[in-house]
Amino acid sequence: MKRFRFPLEGVSKVRDNEVKAREATLASAQRELHAARETKSRLIDAMRSSLRRPSQSNVIDVTDLLALERERNRLRAQLTQQDEHLRNWIRQVEAERDRLLEARQKAEAVEKLRERRYLEFVQQVLREEQGMTDEVAGRMRSMREAA
């Protein structure tokens, strides 16, 4: 019996490997995005805690106020920077999702072609088997008629 051979097997493997690589890249980008979100959350918590600091007494020293204001400005700057960093990771994750989707579509196209070729192969084999069966039946009939 014939064996099915798909001429684009190499292309199929390349496409499958590309999908796996894109999945790994997306997972890495998602981890980075999660870490960026956690960092932003910690910065927000630090900002909130700096706003809630109780004064030790009714009189607040100007140097303490200036230090607190510097700390808040530093936290605001870090928060702004982290927001930009977060937006960059969000864009990167979206781009990786798009690349993964494209890679999956390409792999799926090759897989559909493989399935189509396999069905054609099976139909061809069935036709050949039917031809052999018909030939055997014809010989048997002619042998009966000759006998």
N, C-alpha and C. Protein backbone atom coordinates (compact mmCIF):
# COMPACT_ATOMS: atom_id res chain seq x y z
N MET A 1 0.84 -1.18 0.00
CA MET A 1 0.00 0.00 0.00
C MET A 1 0.89 1.24 0.00
N LYS A 2 0.44 2.22 -0.70
CA LYS A 2 1.18 3.48 -0.78
C LYS A 2 1.22 4.16 0.57
N ARG A 3 2.23 4.97 0.73
CA ARG A 3 2.35 5.75 1.97
C ARG A 3 2.17 7.22 1.62
N PHE A 4 1.44 7.93 2.48
CA PHE A 4 1.18 9.36 2.24
C PHE A 4 2.44 10.16 2.50
N ARG A 5 2.76 11.01 1.55
CA ARG A 5 3.90 11.92 1.70
C ARG A 5 3.41 13.34 1.38
N PHE A 6 3.72 14.23 2.30
CA PHE A 6 3.33 15.63 2.12
C PHE A 6 4.56 16.40 1.68
N PRO A 7 4.54 16.96 0.46
CA PRO A 7 5.75 17.62 -0.04
C PRO A 7 6.14 18.88 0.72
N LEU A 8 5.22 19.47 1.46
CA LEU A 8 5.52 20.70 2.20
C LEU A 8 5.76 20.43 3.69
N GLU A 9 6.25 19.24 4.01
CA GLU A 9 6.49 18.88 5.41
C GLU A 9 7.49 19.83 6.06
N GLY A 10 8.52 20.22 5.34
CA GLY A 10 9.50 21.16 5.88
C GLY A 10 8.89 22.51 6.19
N VAL A 11 8.05 22.98 5.29
CA VAL A 11 7.36 24.26 5.51
C VAL A 11 6.46 24.16 6.73
N SER A 12 5.78 23.03 6.87
CA SER A 12 4.89 22.82 8.01
C SER A 12 5.67 22.88 9.32
N LYS A 13 6.83 22.25 9.37
CA LYS A 13 7.64 22.27 10.59
C LYS A 13 8.14 23.67 10.90
N VAL A 14 8.53 24.40 9.86
CA VAL A 14 9.00 25.77 10.06
C VAL A 14 7.87 26.63 10.63
N ARG A 15 6.68 26.47 10.07
CA ARG A 15 5.53 27.25 10.56
C ARG A 15 5.18 26.89 11.99
N ASP A 16 5.21 25.60 12.31
CA ASP A 16 4.93 25.18 13.69
C ASP A 16 5.96 25.73 14.66
N ASN A 17 7.23 25.71 14.25
CA ASN A 17 8.29 26.26 15.11
C ASN A 17 8.12 27.76 15.30
N GLU A 18 7.68 28.44 14.23
CA GLU A 18 7.44 29.88 14.34
C GLU A 18 6.32 30.16 15.34
N VAL A 19 5.26 29.35 15.30
CA VAL A 19 4.16 29.53 16.25
C VAL A 19 4.67 29.34 17.68
N LYS A 20 5.46 28.30 17.90
CA LYS A 20 6.00 28.06 19.25
C LYS A 20 6.88 29.21 19.71
N ALA A 21 7.71 29.73 18.81
CA ALA A 21 8.58 30.85 19.16
C ALA A 21 7.76 32.09 19.49
N ARG A 22 6.72 32.35 18.69
CA ARG A 22 5.86 33.52 18.94
C ARG A 22 5.11 33.36 20.26
N GLU A 23 4.69 32.14 20.58
CA GLU A 23 4.00 31.91 21.87
C GLU A 23 4.96 32.20 23.03
N ALA A 24 6.20 31.77 22.90
CA ALA A 24 7.19 32.02 23.96
C ALA A 24 7.49 33.51 24.09
N THR A 25 7.60 34.21 22.96
CA THR A 25 7.86 35.65 22.99
C THR A 25 6.69 36.39 23.62
N LEU A 26 5.47 35.98 23.26
CA LEU A 26 4.28 36.61 23.84
C LEU A 26 4.22 36.37 25.35
N ALA A 27 4.51 35.15 25.78
CA ALA A 27 4.50 34.85 27.21
C ALA A 27 5.52 35.71 27.95
N SER A 28 6.69 35.88 27.37
CA SER A 28 7.71 36.72 27.99
C SER A 28 7.25 38.17 28.08
N ALA A 29 6.66 38.68 27.00
CA ALA A 29 6.16 40.06 27.00
C ALA A 29 5.03 40.23 28.02
N GLN A 30 4.19 39.22 28.16
CA GLN A 30 3.11 39.30 29.15
C GLN A 30 3.66 39.31 30.57
N ARG A 31 4.73 38.54 30.80
CA ARG A 31 5.36 38.56 32.14
C ARG A 31 5.94 39.95 32.43
N GLU A 32 6.59 40.55 31.43
CA GLU A 32 7.15 41.89 31.60
C GLU A 32 6.04 42.91 31.85
N LEU A 33 4.94 42.77 31.13
CA LEU A 33 3.80 43.68 31.32
C LEU A 33 3.26 43.54 32.74
N HIS A 34 3.15 42.31 33.21
CA HIS A 34 2.67 42.08 34.57
C HIS A 34 3.62 42.71 35.59
N ALA A 35 4.91 42.55 35.37
CA ALA A 35 5.90 43.15 36.28
C ALA A 35 5.81 44.67 36.26
N ALA A 36 5.59 45.25 35.07
CA ALA A 36 5.46 46.70 34.96
C ALA A 36 4.21 47.18 35.70
N ARG A 37 3.14 46.43 35.60
CA ARG A 37 1.90 46.79 36.32
C ARG A 37 2.11 46.72 37.83
N GLU A 38 2.82 45.70 38.28
CA GLU A 38 3.10 45.59 39.72
C GLU A 38 3.98 46.74 40.20
N THR A 39 4.96 47.11 39.40
CA THR A 39 5.82 48.25 39.77
C THR A 39 5.00 49.52 39.86
N LYS A 40 4.11 49.72 38.91
CA LYS A 40 3.25 50.91 38.95
C LYS A 40 2.37 50.89 40.19
N SER A 41 1.84 49.72 40.52
CA SER A 41 1.01 49.60 41.71
C SER A 41 1.80 49.94 42.98
N ARG A 42 3.05 49.47 43.05
CA ARG A 42 3.89 49.80 44.21
C ARG A 42 4.16 51.30 44.29
N LEU A 43 4.40 51.93 43.13
CA LEU A 43 4.64 53.38 43.11
C LEU A 43 3.40 54.14 43.57
N ILE A 44 2.24 53.70 43.14
CA ILE A 44 0.99 54.35 43.57
C ILE A 44 0.81 54.19 45.07
N ASP A 45 1.10 53.00 45.58
CA ASP A 45 0.99 52.79 47.03
C ASP A 45 1.97 53.68 47.80
N ALA A 46 3.19 53.83 47.27
CA ALA A 46 4.17 54.70 47.92
C ALA A 46 3.71 56.14 47.91
N MET A 47 3.11 56.55 46.79
CA MET A 47 2.59 57.92 46.70
C MET A 47 1.46 58.13 47.70
N ARG A 48 0.57 57.18 47.79
CA ARG A 48 -0.54 57.30 48.74
C ARG A 48 -0.03 57.35 50.18
N SER A 49 0.94 56.51 50.48
CA SER A 49 1.44 56.51 51.86
C SER A 49 2.16 57.82 52.17
N SER A 50 2.81 58.43 51.18
CA SER A 50 3.48 59.71 51.44
C SER A 50 2.46 60.81 51.66
N LEU A 51 1.29 60.67 51.06
CA LEU A 51 0.25 61.68 51.26
C LEU A 51 -0.44 61.54 52.62
N ARG A 52 -0.38 60.35 53.20
CA ARG A 52 -1.07 60.09 54.46
C ARG A 52 -0.17 60.18 55.68
N ARG A 53 1.06 60.60 55.52
CA ARG A 53 1.97 60.63 56.67
C ARG A 53 1.47 61.62 57.70
N PRO A 54 1.26 61.14 58.87
CA PRO A 54 0.81 62.06 59.93
C PRO A 54 1.97 62.91 60.43
N SER A 55 1.67 64.09 60.80
CA SER A 55 2.72 64.95 61.37
C SER A 55 2.93 64.53 62.82
N GLN A 56 4.16 64.67 63.25
CA GLN A 56 4.52 64.25 64.60
C GLN A 56 3.98 65.24 65.64
N SER A 57 3.87 66.45 65.21
CA SER A 57 3.37 67.47 66.14
C SER A 57 2.54 68.46 65.35
N ASN A 58 2.05 69.45 66.04
CA ASN A 58 1.25 70.46 65.36
C ASN A 58 2.13 71.37 64.49
N VAL A 59 3.39 71.45 64.80
CA VAL A 59 4.30 72.29 64.06
C VAL A 59 5.11 71.40 63.10
N ILE A 60 5.12 71.81 61.83
CA ILE A 60 5.85 71.04 60.82
C ILE A 60 7.03 71.87 60.37
N ASP A 61 8.17 71.25 60.38
CA ASP A 61 9.39 71.92 59.95
C ASP A 61 9.38 72.08 58.44
N VAL A 62 9.86 73.21 57.98
CA VAL A 62 9.90 73.51 56.54
C VAL A 62 10.80 72.52 55.82
N THR A 63 11.89 72.15 56.43
CA THR A 63 12.79 71.19 55.76
C THR A 63 12.09 69.83 55.58
N ASP A 64 11.26 69.46 56.55
CA ASP A 64 10.51 68.21 56.41
C ASP A 64 9.50 68.33 55.27
N LEU A 65 8.86 69.50 55.19
CA LEU A 65 7.90 69.71 54.09
C LEU A 65 8.61 69.68 52.74
N LEU A 66 9.79 70.30 52.65
CA LEU A 66 10.53 70.29 51.40
C LEU A 66 10.99 68.87 51.04
N ALA A 67 11.43 68.12 52.03
CA ALA A 67 11.85 66.74 51.78
C ALA A 67 10.67 65.90 51.32
N LEU A 68 9.53 66.09 51.95
CA LEU A 68 8.32 65.37 51.55
C LEU A 68 7.91 65.74 50.14
N GLU A 69 8.01 67.03 49.82
CA GLU A 69 7.67 67.48 48.46
C GLU A 69 8.64 66.91 47.43
N ARG A 70 9.93 66.85 47.77
CA ARG A 70 10.92 66.25 46.86
C ARG A 70 10.61 64.76 46.64
N GLU A 71 10.27 64.09 47.72
CA GLU A 71 9.93 62.67 47.61
C GLU A 71 8.70 62.48 46.72
N ARG A 72 7.71 63.32 46.92
CA ARG A 72 6.49 63.21 46.09
C ARG A 72 6.80 63.53 44.63
N ASN A 73 7.62 64.51 44.38
CA ASN A 73 8.01 64.83 42.99
C ASN A 73 8.77 63.67 42.36
N ARG A 74 9.67 63.06 43.16
CA ARG A 74 10.40 61.90 42.66
C ARG A 74 9.44 60.76 42.34
N LEU A 75 8.49 60.53 43.23
CA LEU A 75 7.51 59.46 42.99
C LEU A 75 6.64 59.77 41.77
N ARG A 76 6.25 61.04 41.61
CA ARG A 76 5.46 61.43 40.43
C ARG A 76 6.25 61.18 39.14
N ALA A 77 7.53 61.55 39.17
CA ALA A 77 8.38 61.34 37.99
C ALA A 77 8.53 59.85 37.69
N GLN A 78 8.74 59.07 38.73
CA GLN A 78 8.84 57.62 38.54
C GLN A 78 7.52 57.05 38.01
N LEU A 79 6.42 57.55 38.54
CA LEU A 79 5.11 57.08 38.10
C LEU A 79 4.86 57.44 36.63
N THR A 80 5.24 58.63 36.23
CA THR A 80 5.11 59.04 34.83
C THR A 80 5.98 58.16 33.94
N GLN A 81 7.19 57.92 34.39
CA GLN A 81 8.10 57.06 33.62
C GLN A 81 7.54 55.64 33.55
N GLN A 82 7.00 55.15 34.65
CA GLN A 82 6.45 53.79 34.66
C GLN A 82 5.21 53.70 33.78
N ASP A 83 4.41 54.77 33.74
CA ASP A 83 3.25 54.78 32.83
C ASP A 83 3.70 54.63 31.38
N GLU A 84 4.75 55.34 31.01
CA GLU A 84 5.26 55.23 29.64
C GLU A 84 5.82 53.83 29.39
N HIS A 85 6.53 53.31 30.36
CA HIS A 85 7.07 51.96 30.26
C HIS A 85 5.93 50.94 30.10
N LEU A 86 4.88 51.13 30.87
CA LEU A 86 3.71 50.25 30.80
C LEU A 86 3.03 50.33 29.44
N ARG A 87 2.87 51.55 28.93
CA ARG A 87 2.26 51.71 27.59
C ARG A 87 3.10 51.02 26.52
N ASN A 88 4.43 51.11 26.64
CA ASN A 88 5.31 50.43 25.69
C ASN A 88 5.13 48.91 25.75
N TRP A 89 5.03 48.35 26.95
CA TRP A 89 4.82 46.92 27.07
C TRP A 89 3.46 46.50 26.55
N ILE A 90 2.46 47.33 26.77
CA ILE A 90 1.13 47.01 26.23
C ILE A 90 1.19 46.96 24.71
N ARG A 91 1.86 47.95 24.11
CA ARG A 91 2.00 47.94 22.64
C ARG A 91 2.78 46.71 22.17
N GLN A 92 3.82 46.36 22.91
CA GLN A 92 4.62 45.21 22.52
C GLN A 92 3.80 43.91 22.63
N VAL A 93 3.03 43.77 23.70
CA VAL A 93 2.19 42.58 23.86
C VAL A 93 1.17 42.50 22.72
N GLU A 94 0.55 43.62 22.38
CA GLU A 94 -0.41 43.62 21.28
C GLU A 94 0.26 43.26 19.96
N ALA A 95 1.46 43.78 19.74
CA ALA A 95 2.19 43.45 18.50
C ALA A 95 2.54 41.96 18.48
N GLU A 96 2.95 41.41 19.61
CA GLU A 96 3.28 39.98 19.67
C GLU A 96 2.05 39.13 19.45
N ARG A 97 0.91 39.56 19.97
CA ARG A 97 -0.34 38.82 19.72
C ARG A 97 -0.66 38.81 18.24
N ASP A 98 -0.48 39.96 17.59
CA ASP A 98 -0.73 40.03 16.14
C ASP A 98 0.22 39.10 15.39
N ARG A 99 1.48 39.10 15.78
CA ARG A 99 2.46 38.22 15.11
C ARG A 99 2.12 36.75 15.34
N LEU A 100 1.68 36.44 16.56
CA LEU A 100 1.29 35.06 16.86
C LEU A 100 0.08 34.66 16.04
N LEU A 101 -0.89 35.55 15.95
CA LEU A 101 -2.08 35.26 15.15
C LEU A 101 -1.71 35.01 13.69
N GLU A 102 -0.82 35.84 13.16
CA GLU A 102 -0.38 35.67 11.77
C GLU A 102 0.35 34.34 11.60
N ALA A 103 1.21 34.00 12.55
CA ALA A 103 1.96 32.73 12.47
C ALA A 103 1.00 31.55 12.55
N ARG A 104 0.00 31.64 13.42
CA ARG A 104 -0.99 30.56 13.52
C ARG A 104 -1.80 30.42 12.24
N GLN A 105 -2.16 31.54 11.63
CA GLN A 105 -2.91 31.48 10.37
C GLN A 105 -2.07 30.82 9.28
N LYS A 106 -0.80 31.15 9.22
CA LYS A 106 0.08 30.53 8.22
C LYS A 106 0.20 29.02 8.47
N ALA A 107 0.38 28.64 9.73
CA ALA A 107 0.49 27.22 10.07
C ALA A 107 -0.82 26.50 9.76
N GLU A 108 -1.93 27.15 10.04
CA GLU A 108 -3.24 26.56 9.77
C GLU A 108 -3.46 26.38 8.27
N ALA A 109 -2.99 27.31 7.47
CA ALA A 109 -3.13 27.20 6.02
C ALA A 109 -2.38 25.97 5.51
N VAL A 110 -1.18 25.75 6.01
CA VAL A 110 -0.40 24.58 5.60
C VAL A 110 -1.09 23.31 6.09
N GLU A 111 -1.64 23.34 7.29
CA GLU A 111 -2.33 22.16 7.83
C GLU A 111 -3.58 21.83 7.02
N LYS A 112 -4.32 22.85 6.62
CA LYS A 112 -5.49 22.61 5.77
C LYS A 112 -5.08 22.02 4.44
N LEU A 113 -3.98 22.51 3.89
CA LEU A 113 -3.48 21.97 2.63
C LEU A 113 -3.07 20.50 2.82
N ARG A 114 -2.44 20.18 3.94
CA ARG A 114 -2.06 18.80 4.24
C ARG A 114 -3.32 17.92 4.29
N GLU A 115 -4.35 18.39 4.99
CA GLU A 115 -5.59 17.62 5.09
C GLU A 115 -6.21 17.40 3.72
N ARG A 116 -6.22 18.44 2.91
CA ARG A 116 -6.78 18.32 1.57
C ARG A 116 -6.01 17.30 0.75
N ARG A 117 -4.67 17.38 0.81
CA ARG A 117 -3.83 16.44 0.07
C ARG A 117 -4.02 15.02 0.59
N TYR A 118 -4.20 14.87 1.89
CA TYR A 118 -4.41 13.54 2.46
C TYR A 118 -5.74 12.96 1.97
N LEU A 119 -6.78 13.77 1.96
CA LEU A 119 -8.07 13.29 1.45
C LEU A 119 -7.97 12.89 -0.02
N GLU A 120 -7.24 13.66 -0.80
CA GLU A 120 -7.03 13.30 -2.20
C GLU A 120 -6.26 11.98 -2.30
N PHE A 121 -5.27 11.80 -1.43
CA PHE A 121 -4.51 10.57 -1.41
C PHE A 121 -5.40 9.38 -1.07
N VAL A 122 -6.23 9.54 -0.05
CA VAL A 122 -7.13 8.46 0.36
C VAL A 122 -8.10 8.12 -0.78
N GLN A 123 -8.64 9.13 -1.43
CA GLN A 123 -9.55 8.89 -2.55
C GLN A 123 -8.84 8.14 -3.68
N GLN A 124 -7.61 8.52 -3.97
CA GLN A 124 -6.83 7.85 -5.01
C GLN A 124 -6.60 6.39 -4.64
N VAL A 125 -6.24 6.12 -3.39
CA VAL A 125 -6.00 4.76 -2.93
C VAL A 125 -7.28 3.94 -3.04
N LEU A 126 -8.40 4.55 -2.64
CA LEU A 126 -9.69 3.84 -2.73
C LEU A 126 -10.04 3.53 -4.18
N ARG A 127 -9.77 4.46 -5.09
CA ARG A 127 -10.03 4.21 -6.51
C ARG A 127 -9.18 3.06 -7.02
N GLU A 128 -7.91 3.06 -6.62
CA GLU A 128 -7.02 1.98 -7.04
C GLU A 128 -7.47 0.64 -6.49
N GLU A 129 -7.86 0.63 -5.21
CA GLU A 129 -8.35 -0.61 -4.61
C GLU A 129 -9.63 -1.09 -5.30
N GLN A 130 -10.52 -0.14 -5.61
CA GLN A 130 -11.75 -0.50 -6.30
C GLN A 130 -11.43 -1.08 -7.68
N GLY A 131 -10.45 -0.48 -8.36
CA GLY A 131 -10.03 -1.01 -9.65
C GLY A 131 -9.51 -2.44 -9.53
N MET A 132 -8.70 -2.71 -8.50
CA MET A 132 -8.17 -4.06 -8.30
C MET A 132 -9.30 -5.02 -7.97
N THR A 133 -10.24 -4.58 -7.13
CA THR A 133 -11.38 -5.42 -6.77
C THR A 133 -12.20 -5.74 -8.01
N ASP A 134 -12.45 -4.75 -8.84
CA ASP A 134 -13.20 -4.97 -10.08
C ASP A 134 -12.45 -5.95 -11.00
N GLU A 135 -11.14 -5.81 -11.06
CA GLU A 135 -10.35 -6.70 -11.92
C GLU A 135 -10.42 -8.13 -11.42
N VAL A 136 -10.30 -8.32 -10.09
CA VAL A 136 -10.38 -9.67 -9.52
C VAL A 136 -11.77 -10.25 -9.76
N ALA A 137 -12.80 -9.44 -9.56
CA ALA A 137 -14.17 -9.92 -9.78
C ALA A 137 -14.38 -10.29 -11.25
N GLY A 138 -13.82 -9.51 -12.15
CA GLY A 138 -13.93 -9.83 -13.58
C GLY A 138 -13.23 -11.13 -13.92
N ARG A 139 -12.08 -11.37 -13.38
CA ARG A 139 -11.35 -12.61 -13.63
C ARG A 139 -12.11 -13.82 -13.08
N MET A 140 -12.66 -13.63 -11.88
CA MET A 140 -13.43 -14.72 -11.27
C MET A 140 -14.64 -15.06 -12.12
N ARG A 141 -15.29 -14.02 -12.62
CA ARG A 141 -16.47 -14.23 -13.47
C ARG A 141 -16.09 -14.95 -14.75
N SER A 142 -14.99 -14.50 -15.38
CA SER A 142 -14.57 -15.15 -16.61
C SER A 142 -14.13 -16.59 -16.37
N MET A 143 -13.57 -16.87 -15.20
CA MET A 143 -13.17 -18.23 -14.88
C MET A 143 -14.41 -19.10 -14.68
N ARG A 144 -15.47 -18.56 -14.08
CA ARG A 144 -16.71 -19.31 -13.88
C ARG A 144 -17.37 -19.59 -15.23
N GLU A 145 -17.37 -18.60 -16.09
CA GLU A 145 -17.99 -18.77 -17.39
C GLU A 145 -17.20 -19.75 -18.23
N ALA A 146 -15.90 -19.80 -18.07
CA ALA A 146 -15.05 -20.72 -18.84
C ALA A 146 -15.20 -22.14 -18.33
N ALA A 147 -15.52 -22.29 -17.09
CA ALA A 147 -15.60 -23.61 -16.50
C ALA A 147 -16.89 -24.31 -16.76
